[in-house]
N, C-alpha and C. Protein backbone atom coordinates (compact mmCIF):
# COMPACT_ATOMS: atom_id res chain seq x y z
N MET A 1 106.55 128.22 114.63
CA MET A 1 107.09 127.16 115.46
C MET A 1 108.52 127.51 115.87
N LYS A 2 108.95 126.95 116.96
CA LYS A 2 110.30 127.17 117.46
C LYS A 2 111.28 126.30 116.66
N ILE A 3 112.56 126.60 116.80
CA ILE A 3 113.58 125.88 116.06
C ILE A 3 113.56 124.38 116.38
N SER A 4 113.33 124.05 117.64
CA SER A 4 113.29 122.63 118.02
C SER A 4 112.11 121.92 117.37
N GLU A 5 111.00 122.62 117.23
CA GLU A 5 109.82 122.03 116.59
C GLU A 5 110.07 121.84 115.09
N LEU A 6 110.70 122.82 114.46
CA LEU A 6 111.05 122.69 113.04
C LEU A 6 112.03 121.55 112.84
N ALA A 7 113.03 121.48 113.71
CA ALA A 7 114.03 120.42 113.61
C ALA A 7 113.37 119.05 113.77
N ASN A 8 112.52 118.91 114.77
CA ASN A 8 111.83 117.63 114.99
C ASN A 8 110.92 117.26 113.83
N ALA A 9 110.23 118.23 113.27
CA ALA A 9 109.30 117.98 112.17
C ALA A 9 110.01 117.48 110.91
N THR A 10 111.28 117.82 110.77
CA THR A 10 112.02 117.43 109.57
C THR A 10 113.12 116.39 109.85
N GLY A 11 113.28 116.02 111.11
CA GLY A 11 114.34 115.07 111.46
C GLY A 11 115.72 115.66 111.29
N THR A 12 115.84 116.94 111.57
CA THR A 12 117.09 117.67 111.41
C THR A 12 117.59 118.13 112.77
N ASN A 13 118.89 118.11 112.96
CA ASN A 13 119.49 118.59 114.19
C ASN A 13 119.32 120.12 114.27
N VAL A 14 119.09 120.64 115.45
CA VAL A 14 118.93 122.08 115.64
C VAL A 14 120.15 122.85 115.14
N GLU A 15 121.34 122.33 115.42
CA GLU A 15 122.56 123.00 114.96
C GLU A 15 122.63 123.02 113.44
N THR A 16 122.10 121.99 112.80
CA THR A 16 122.09 121.94 111.34
C THR A 16 121.15 123.00 110.78
N VAL A 17 120.01 123.18 111.43
CA VAL A 17 119.08 124.24 111.02
C VAL A 17 119.80 125.59 111.10
N ARG A 18 120.49 125.84 112.19
CA ARG A 18 121.24 127.10 112.34
C ARG A 18 122.31 127.24 111.26
N TYR A 19 122.97 126.13 110.95
CA TYR A 19 123.99 126.14 109.89
C TYR A 19 123.36 126.50 108.54
N TYR A 20 122.23 125.90 108.22
CA TYR A 20 121.56 126.20 106.95
C TYR A 20 121.16 127.67 106.87
N GLU A 21 120.79 128.25 107.99
CA GLU A 21 120.51 129.69 108.03
C GLU A 21 121.80 130.47 107.77
N LYS A 22 122.87 130.07 108.45
CA LYS A 22 124.15 130.77 108.35
C LYS A 22 124.68 130.78 106.91
N VAL A 23 124.52 129.65 106.19
CA VAL A 23 125.04 129.57 104.82
C VAL A 23 124.03 130.03 103.78
N GLY A 24 122.86 130.48 104.23
CA GLY A 24 121.89 131.07 103.33
C GLY A 24 120.94 130.13 102.63
N LEU A 25 120.91 128.87 103.03
CA LEU A 25 119.95 127.94 102.43
C LEU A 25 118.55 128.14 102.98
N LEU A 26 118.49 128.58 104.21
CA LEU A 26 117.22 128.80 104.90
C LEU A 26 117.18 130.26 105.35
N SER A 27 116.11 130.96 104.98
CA SER A 27 116.04 132.38 105.34
C SER A 27 115.88 132.54 106.85
N PRO A 28 116.44 133.60 107.37
CA PRO A 28 116.28 133.84 108.82
C PRO A 28 114.80 134.05 109.15
N PRO A 29 114.34 133.45 110.22
CA PRO A 29 112.94 133.61 110.59
C PRO A 29 112.72 134.91 111.35
N ALA A 30 111.46 135.25 111.49
CA ALA A 30 111.11 136.38 112.35
C ALA A 30 111.46 135.99 113.79
N ARG A 31 111.52 136.97 114.66
CA ARG A 31 111.82 136.73 116.07
C ARG A 31 110.60 137.10 116.91
N THR A 32 110.40 136.34 117.97
CA THR A 32 109.33 136.65 118.91
C THR A 32 109.80 137.79 119.82
N SER A 33 108.92 138.28 120.65
CA SER A 33 109.29 139.34 121.59
C SER A 33 110.35 138.85 122.58
N ALA A 34 110.39 137.53 122.80
CA ALA A 34 111.40 136.94 123.68
C ALA A 34 112.67 136.57 122.90
N ASN A 35 112.74 136.99 121.63
CA ASN A 35 113.88 136.76 120.75
C ASN A 35 114.06 135.30 120.33
N TYR A 36 112.99 134.50 120.38
CA TYR A 36 113.03 133.14 119.84
C TYR A 36 112.80 133.20 118.35
N ARG A 37 113.40 132.26 117.63
CA ARG A 37 113.12 132.15 116.20
C ARG A 37 111.68 131.66 116.04
N ALA A 38 110.97 132.25 115.09
CA ALA A 38 109.58 131.84 114.82
C ALA A 38 109.47 131.41 113.36
N TYR A 39 109.49 130.10 113.14
CA TYR A 39 109.45 129.55 111.80
C TYR A 39 108.02 129.31 111.34
N GLY A 40 107.83 129.38 110.01
CA GLY A 40 106.51 129.15 109.44
C GLY A 40 106.51 127.98 108.48
N GLY A 41 105.40 127.83 107.79
CA GLY A 41 105.23 126.74 106.84
C GLY A 41 106.23 126.77 105.70
N ASP A 42 106.61 127.97 105.25
CA ASP A 42 107.61 128.07 104.17
C ASP A 42 108.96 127.52 104.63
N HIS A 43 109.31 127.79 105.87
CA HIS A 43 110.57 127.25 106.41
C HIS A 43 110.50 125.73 106.47
N LEU A 44 109.36 125.22 106.90
CA LEU A 44 109.19 123.76 106.99
C LEU A 44 109.32 123.12 105.61
N ALA A 45 108.68 123.69 104.61
CA ALA A 45 108.75 123.14 103.25
C ALA A 45 110.17 123.22 102.71
N ARG A 46 110.84 124.34 102.92
CA ARG A 46 112.20 124.52 102.40
C ARG A 46 113.18 123.59 103.12
N LEU A 47 113.06 123.49 104.43
CA LEU A 47 113.96 122.61 105.17
C LEU A 47 113.71 121.15 104.80
N SER A 48 112.48 120.78 104.56
CA SER A 48 112.17 119.41 104.11
C SER A 48 112.84 119.13 102.77
N PHE A 49 112.78 120.10 101.87
CA PHE A 49 113.44 119.99 100.56
C PHE A 49 114.95 119.81 100.75
N ILE A 50 115.53 120.67 101.57
CA ILE A 50 116.98 120.61 101.83
C ILE A 50 117.34 119.26 102.42
N ARG A 51 116.59 118.84 103.39
CA ARG A 51 116.86 117.56 104.07
C ARG A 51 116.81 116.41 103.09
N ARG A 52 115.78 116.37 102.24
CA ARG A 52 115.65 115.28 101.26
C ARG A 52 116.80 115.30 100.27
N ALA A 53 117.15 116.49 99.80
CA ALA A 53 118.27 116.61 98.86
C ALA A 53 119.58 116.15 99.50
N ARG A 54 119.80 116.52 100.76
CA ARG A 54 121.01 116.09 101.46
C ARG A 54 121.00 114.58 101.70
N ASP A 55 119.81 114.03 102.02
CA ASP A 55 119.69 112.59 102.19
C ASP A 55 120.05 111.84 100.91
N LEU A 56 119.78 112.48 99.77
CA LEU A 56 120.12 111.88 98.47
C LEU A 56 121.58 112.12 98.10
N GLY A 57 122.30 112.83 98.97
CA GLY A 57 123.73 113.01 98.77
C GLY A 57 124.14 114.25 98.00
N PHE A 58 123.19 115.14 97.70
CA PHE A 58 123.56 116.36 97.00
C PHE A 58 124.41 117.23 97.92
N SER A 59 125.41 117.87 97.34
CA SER A 59 126.28 118.77 98.11
C SER A 59 125.50 120.02 98.49
N ILE A 60 126.05 120.77 99.43
CA ILE A 60 125.44 122.04 99.85
C ILE A 60 125.31 122.96 98.63
N GLU A 61 126.34 123.02 97.81
CA GLU A 61 126.29 123.90 96.64
C GLU A 61 125.24 123.44 95.64
N ALA A 62 125.11 122.14 95.45
CA ALA A 62 124.07 121.63 94.55
C ALA A 62 122.69 121.94 95.10
N VAL A 63 122.52 121.79 96.41
CA VAL A 63 121.23 122.12 97.04
C VAL A 63 120.93 123.60 96.85
N ARG A 64 121.94 124.44 97.03
CA ARG A 64 121.77 125.88 96.83
C ARG A 64 121.28 126.15 95.39
N ASN A 65 121.93 125.51 94.43
CA ASN A 65 121.54 125.70 93.03
C ASN A 65 120.12 125.17 92.77
N LEU A 66 119.79 124.02 93.33
CA LEU A 66 118.44 123.47 93.17
C LEU A 66 117.39 124.39 93.77
N LEU A 67 117.69 124.95 94.93
CA LEU A 67 116.75 125.89 95.56
C LEU A 67 116.57 127.14 94.73
N THR A 68 117.66 127.67 94.21
CA THR A 68 117.59 128.86 93.37
C THR A 68 116.73 128.59 92.13
N LEU A 69 116.96 127.44 91.52
CA LEU A 69 116.18 127.08 90.34
C LEU A 69 114.71 126.84 90.68
N SER A 70 114.46 126.20 91.82
CA SER A 70 113.07 125.91 92.19
C SER A 70 112.31 127.17 92.60
N ASP A 71 113.03 128.24 92.93
CA ASP A 71 112.39 129.50 93.28
C ASP A 71 111.78 130.21 92.06
N ASP A 72 112.12 129.74 90.86
CA ASP A 72 111.56 130.31 89.62
C ASP A 72 110.92 129.17 88.83
N PRO A 73 109.69 128.80 89.19
CA PRO A 73 109.05 127.63 88.58
C PRO A 73 108.70 127.77 87.11
N SER A 74 108.83 128.96 86.54
CA SER A 74 108.48 129.14 85.13
C SER A 74 109.60 128.74 84.18
N GLN A 75 110.78 128.55 84.70
CA GLN A 75 111.91 128.22 83.82
C GLN A 75 111.97 126.73 83.51
N SER A 76 112.75 126.39 82.52
CA SER A 76 112.94 125.00 82.12
C SER A 76 113.66 124.25 83.24
N CYS A 77 113.37 122.98 83.36
CA CYS A 77 114.06 122.19 84.40
C CYS A 77 115.33 121.54 83.87
N GLU A 78 115.80 121.99 82.72
CA GLU A 78 117.02 121.43 82.12
C GLU A 78 118.22 121.56 83.06
N ALA A 79 118.35 122.71 83.71
CA ALA A 79 119.48 122.92 84.63
C ALA A 79 119.37 121.99 85.83
N ILE A 80 118.15 121.78 86.31
CA ILE A 80 117.94 120.86 87.44
C ILE A 80 118.33 119.45 87.04
N ASP A 81 117.91 119.06 85.84
CA ASP A 81 118.26 117.74 85.31
C ASP A 81 119.78 117.60 85.22
N GLY A 82 120.45 118.66 84.80
CA GLY A 82 121.91 118.63 84.69
C GLY A 82 122.58 118.41 86.04
N ILE A 83 122.08 119.10 87.05
CA ILE A 83 122.62 118.94 88.40
C ILE A 83 122.42 117.50 88.88
N ALA A 84 121.23 116.98 88.64
CA ALA A 84 120.93 115.61 89.08
C ALA A 84 121.77 114.59 88.31
N ARG A 85 121.99 114.82 87.03
CA ARG A 85 122.80 113.89 86.23
C ARG A 85 124.26 113.89 86.67
N VAL A 86 124.79 115.06 86.98
CA VAL A 86 126.17 115.13 87.49
C VAL A 86 126.27 114.36 88.80
N HIS A 87 125.28 114.53 89.65
CA HIS A 87 125.30 113.81 90.93
C HIS A 87 125.17 112.29 90.70
N LEU A 88 124.31 111.90 89.77
CA LEU A 88 124.16 110.48 89.45
C LEU A 88 125.47 109.90 88.93
N ASP A 89 126.17 110.64 88.09
CA ASP A 89 127.49 110.19 87.62
C ASP A 89 128.46 110.01 88.78
N ASP A 90 128.43 110.94 89.74
CA ASP A 90 129.29 110.82 90.93
C ASP A 90 128.93 109.57 91.74
N VAL A 91 127.64 109.32 91.90
CA VAL A 91 127.18 108.14 92.64
C VAL A 91 127.64 106.87 91.91
N ASP A 92 127.49 106.83 90.59
CA ASP A 92 127.94 105.67 89.82
C ASP A 92 129.44 105.44 89.97
N ARG A 93 130.22 106.54 89.96
CA ARG A 93 131.67 106.41 90.15
C ARG A 93 132.00 105.85 91.53
N LYS A 94 131.30 106.36 92.55
CA LYS A 94 131.53 105.88 93.91
C LYS A 94 131.16 104.40 94.04
N ILE A 95 130.07 104.01 93.40
CA ILE A 95 129.67 102.60 93.43
C ILE A 95 130.73 101.74 92.77
N SER A 96 131.24 102.20 91.65
CA SER A 96 132.30 101.47 90.94
C SER A 96 133.54 101.35 91.82
N ASP A 97 133.92 102.45 92.48
CA ASP A 97 135.07 102.43 93.38
C ASP A 97 134.85 101.46 94.54
N LEU A 98 133.65 101.46 95.09
CA LEU A 98 133.34 100.56 96.20
C LEU A 98 133.32 99.10 95.75
N MET A 99 132.85 98.86 94.55
CA MET A 99 132.85 97.49 94.03
C MET A 99 134.29 96.98 93.85
N ALA A 100 135.17 97.86 93.36
CA ALA A 100 136.58 97.49 93.22
C ALA A 100 137.20 97.24 94.59
N LEU A 101 136.86 98.09 95.55
CA LEU A 101 137.36 97.92 96.91
C LEU A 101 136.87 96.60 97.49
N ARG A 102 135.60 96.29 97.30
CA ARG A 102 135.04 95.04 97.81
C ARG A 102 135.73 93.84 97.19
N SER A 103 135.97 93.92 95.89
CA SER A 103 136.63 92.82 95.19
C SER A 103 138.03 92.59 95.74
N GLU A 104 138.77 93.66 95.96
CA GLU A 104 140.13 93.53 96.51
C GLU A 104 140.11 92.98 97.93
N LEU A 105 139.20 93.48 98.76
CA LEU A 105 139.10 92.95 100.12
C LEU A 105 138.68 91.49 100.12
N ASP A 106 137.78 91.13 99.22
CA ASP A 106 137.35 89.73 99.11
C ASP A 106 138.54 88.85 98.72
N ARG A 107 139.37 89.34 97.80
CA ARG A 107 140.56 88.58 97.38
C ARG A 107 141.53 88.41 98.54
N VAL A 108 141.77 89.50 99.28
CA VAL A 108 142.72 89.47 100.39
C VAL A 108 142.20 88.56 101.50
N VAL A 109 140.95 88.70 101.86
CA VAL A 109 140.37 87.86 102.92
C VAL A 109 140.34 86.40 102.48
N GLY A 110 140.07 86.17 101.21
CA GLY A 110 140.05 84.80 100.69
C GLY A 110 141.42 84.14 100.73
N ALA A 111 142.48 84.94 100.71
CA ALA A 111 143.84 84.39 100.76
C ALA A 111 144.26 84.05 102.19
N CYS A 112 143.46 84.44 103.16
CA CYS A 112 143.80 84.19 104.55
C CYS A 112 143.75 82.69 104.84
N ARG A 113 144.81 82.21 105.51
CA ARG A 113 144.88 80.78 105.86
C ARG A 113 144.75 80.57 107.36
N ALA A 114 144.38 81.64 108.08
CA ALA A 114 144.20 81.56 109.53
C ALA A 114 145.42 80.98 110.23
N GLY A 115 146.58 81.35 109.72
CA GLY A 115 147.81 80.87 110.34
C GLY A 115 148.32 81.86 111.37
N LYS A 116 149.61 82.09 111.35
CA LYS A 116 150.26 83.02 112.27
C LYS A 116 150.35 84.40 111.63
N VAL A 117 150.45 85.41 112.45
CA VAL A 117 150.51 86.78 111.96
C VAL A 117 151.68 86.97 111.01
N TRP A 118 152.82 86.37 111.29
CA TRP A 118 154.00 86.54 110.44
C TRP A 118 153.75 86.05 109.02
N ASP A 119 152.75 85.21 108.81
CA ASP A 119 152.44 84.68 107.48
C ASP A 119 151.06 85.16 107.01
N CYS A 120 150.55 86.21 107.62
CA CYS A 120 149.20 86.70 107.32
C CYS A 120 149.15 87.40 105.96
N LYS A 121 148.33 86.91 105.08
CA LYS A 121 148.20 87.49 103.73
C LYS A 121 147.53 88.87 103.76
N ILE A 122 146.70 89.10 104.75
CA ILE A 122 146.04 90.41 104.86
C ILE A 122 147.08 91.47 105.22
N ILE A 123 147.90 91.17 106.24
CA ILE A 123 148.97 92.11 106.63
C ILE A 123 149.94 92.29 105.47
N GLU A 124 150.28 91.22 104.79
CA GLU A 124 151.17 91.28 103.64
C GLU A 124 150.61 92.19 102.54
N ALA A 125 149.33 92.09 102.28
CA ALA A 125 148.69 92.89 101.24
C ALA A 125 148.66 94.37 101.60
N LEU A 126 148.67 94.68 102.88
CA LEU A 126 148.65 96.07 103.31
C LEU A 126 150.02 96.74 103.14
N GLY A 127 151.06 95.97 102.99
CA GLY A 127 152.38 96.51 102.72
C GLY A 127 153.30 96.45 103.91
N PRO A 128 154.54 96.85 103.70
CA PRO A 128 155.52 96.79 104.79
C PRO A 128 155.16 97.74 105.94
N GLN A 129 155.50 97.27 107.14
CA GLN A 129 155.20 98.05 108.33
C GLN A 129 156.40 98.85 108.80
N ARG A 130 157.52 98.57 108.30
CA ARG A 130 158.75 99.18 108.81
C ARG A 130 159.17 100.36 108.07
């Protein structure tokens, strides 16, 4: 299949497919006589894996490590579990940070009295402008 067909099949931008090739996540495909990229089922499966991992928020480096580990199915999945646990800890930290942010914004918005800008509690909470 052509790059556009692979991209469409996985919901990935064509430039992103090229980027994944450039950084080594996706192996370069064979070329047709007209020099078009010719992708196969292995590319589709690998790009689908990459796409799903990225959708779950794994970094490029984590995806690279997951792919390397998945290329040797006889080994223990302990390392894969470790990568996923580190990512889960990062997600939990981000959720905690967002909850704190939401709480502070809720407090600031709740202090608003819909008065004049010079007495605006939201502007006041953001700090001096001068």
